[in-house]
Amino acid sequence: MSFRPDHELHTRRFGRNVGLGIVLAAFVALIFGLTVVKITEGDVSRAISGATKNE
């Protein structure tokens, strides 16, 4: 049993979907990175130990 080859429209749509997936993954990574920096305020050791800013 052989399958018919994909139509050109499906090939273009797949390429567009892959591109959109990469853009969305980059956006999520950017938001995650900004969140980590905002939470740690640049001091990773203090953030891990749970110390607050006033201590």
C-alpha atoms as a PDB file:
ATOM      1  CA  MET A   1       0.000   0.000   0.000  1.00  0.00           C
ATOM      2  CA  SER A   2       1.539   3.305  -1.003  1.00  0.00           C
ATOM      3  CA  PHE A   3       0.616   6.747   0.208  1.00  0.00           C
ATOM      4  CA  ARG A   4       0.092   9.663  -2.117  1.00  0.00           C
ATOM      5  CA  PRO A   5       2.759  12.371  -1.922  1.00  0.00           C
ATOM      6  CA  ASP A   6       1.883  15.446   0.132  1.00  0.00           C
ATOM      7  CA  HIS A   7       0.308  18.298  -1.703  1.00  0.00           C
ATOM      8  CA  GLU A   8       2.417  21.450  -2.049  1.00  0.00           C
ATOM      9  CA  LEU A   9      -0.017  23.299   0.226  1.00  0.00           C
ATOM     10  CA  HIS A  10       0.653  20.841   3.072  1.00  0.00           C
ATOM     11  CA  THR A  11       4.408  21.238   2.652  1.00  0.00           C
ATOM     12  CA  ARG A  12       4.151  25.029   2.920  1.00  0.00           C
ATOM     13  CA  ARG A  13       1.798  24.787   5.888  1.00  0.00           C
ATOM     14  CA  PHE A  14       4.187  22.413   7.689  1.00  0.00           C
ATOM     15  CA  GLY A  15       7.075  24.838   7.165  1.00  0.00           C
ATOM     16  CA  ARG A  16       4.982  27.703   8.503  1.00  0.00           C
ATOM     17  CA  ASN A  17       3.956  25.642  11.539  1.00  0.00           C
ATOM     18  CA  VAL A  18       7.569  24.750  12.316  1.00  0.00           C
ATOM     19  CA  GLY A  19       8.560  28.415  12.057  1.00  0.00           C
ATOM     20  CA  LEU A  20       5.726  29.479  14.347  1.00  0.00           C
ATOM     21  CA  GLY A  21       6.666  26.749  16.832  1.00  0.00           C
ATOM     22  CA  ILE A  22      10.253  28.007  16.943  1.00  0.00           C
ATOM     23  CA  VAL A  23       9.090  31.593  17.481  1.00  0.00           C
ATOM     24  CA  LEU A  24       6.747  30.539  20.297  1.00  0.00           C
ATOM     25  CA  ALA A  25       9.468  28.448  21.968  1.00  0.00           C
ATOM     26  CA  ALA A  26      11.859  31.415  21.802  1.00  0.00           C
ATOM     27  CA  PHE A  27       9.198  33.677  23.334  1.00  0.00           C
ATOM     28  CA  VAL A  28       8.594  31.233  26.193  1.00  0.00           C
ATOM     29  CA  ALA A  29      12.356  30.945  26.795  1.00  0.00           C
ATOM     30  CA  LEU A  30      12.653  34.756  26.859  1.00  0.00           C
ATOM     31  CA  ILE A  31       9.814  35.134  29.362  1.00  0.00           C
ATOM     32  CA  PHE A  32      11.259  32.330  31.515  1.00  0.00           C
ATOM     33  CA  GLY A  33      14.699  33.948  31.471  1.00  0.00           C
ATOM     34  CA  LEU A  34      13.302  37.353  32.409  1.00  0.00           C
ATOM     35  CA  THR A  35      11.316  35.777  35.234  1.00  0.00           C
ATOM     36  CA  VAL A  36      14.375  34.004  36.629  1.00  0.00           C
ATOM     37  CA  VAL A  37      16.417  37.206  36.510  1.00  0.00           C
ATOM     38  CA  LYS A  38      13.600  39.196  38.130  1.00  0.00           C
ATOM     39  CA  ILE A  39      13.194  36.651  40.940  1.00  0.00           C
ATOM     40  CA  THR A  40      16.896  36.245  41.659  1.00  0.00           C
ATOM     41  CA  GLU A  41      17.737  39.936  41.123  1.00  0.00           C
ATOM     42  CA  GLY A  42      21.119  38.778  39.867  1.00  0.00           C
ATOM     43  CA  ASP A  43      22.174  37.073  43.122  1.00  0.00           C
ATOM     44  CA  VAL A  44      21.663  33.367  42.564  1.00  0.00           C
ATOM     45  CA  SER A  45      23.252  32.189  45.830  1.00  0.00           C
ATOM     46  CA  ARG A  46      20.979  34.421  47.908  1.00  0.00           C
ATOM     47  CA  ALA A  47      17.928  33.328  45.910  1.00  0.00           C
ATOM     48  CA  ILE A  48      18.757  29.649  46.452  1.00  0.00           C
ATOM     49  CA  SER A  49      19.341  30.103  50.192  1.00  0.00           C
ATOM     50  CA  GLY A  50      16.010  31.922  50.546  1.00  0.00           C
ATOM     51  CA  ALA A  51      17.492  35.055  52.088  1.00  0.00           C
ATOM     52  CA  THR A  52      15.445  38.216  51.650  1.00  0.00           C
ATOM     53  CA  LYS A  53      16.782  41.574  50.517  1.00  0.00           C
ATOM     54  CA  ASN A  54      16.794  43.103  54.024  1.00  0.00           C
ATOM     55  CA  GLU A  55      18.846  40.315  55.618  1.00  0.00           C
END
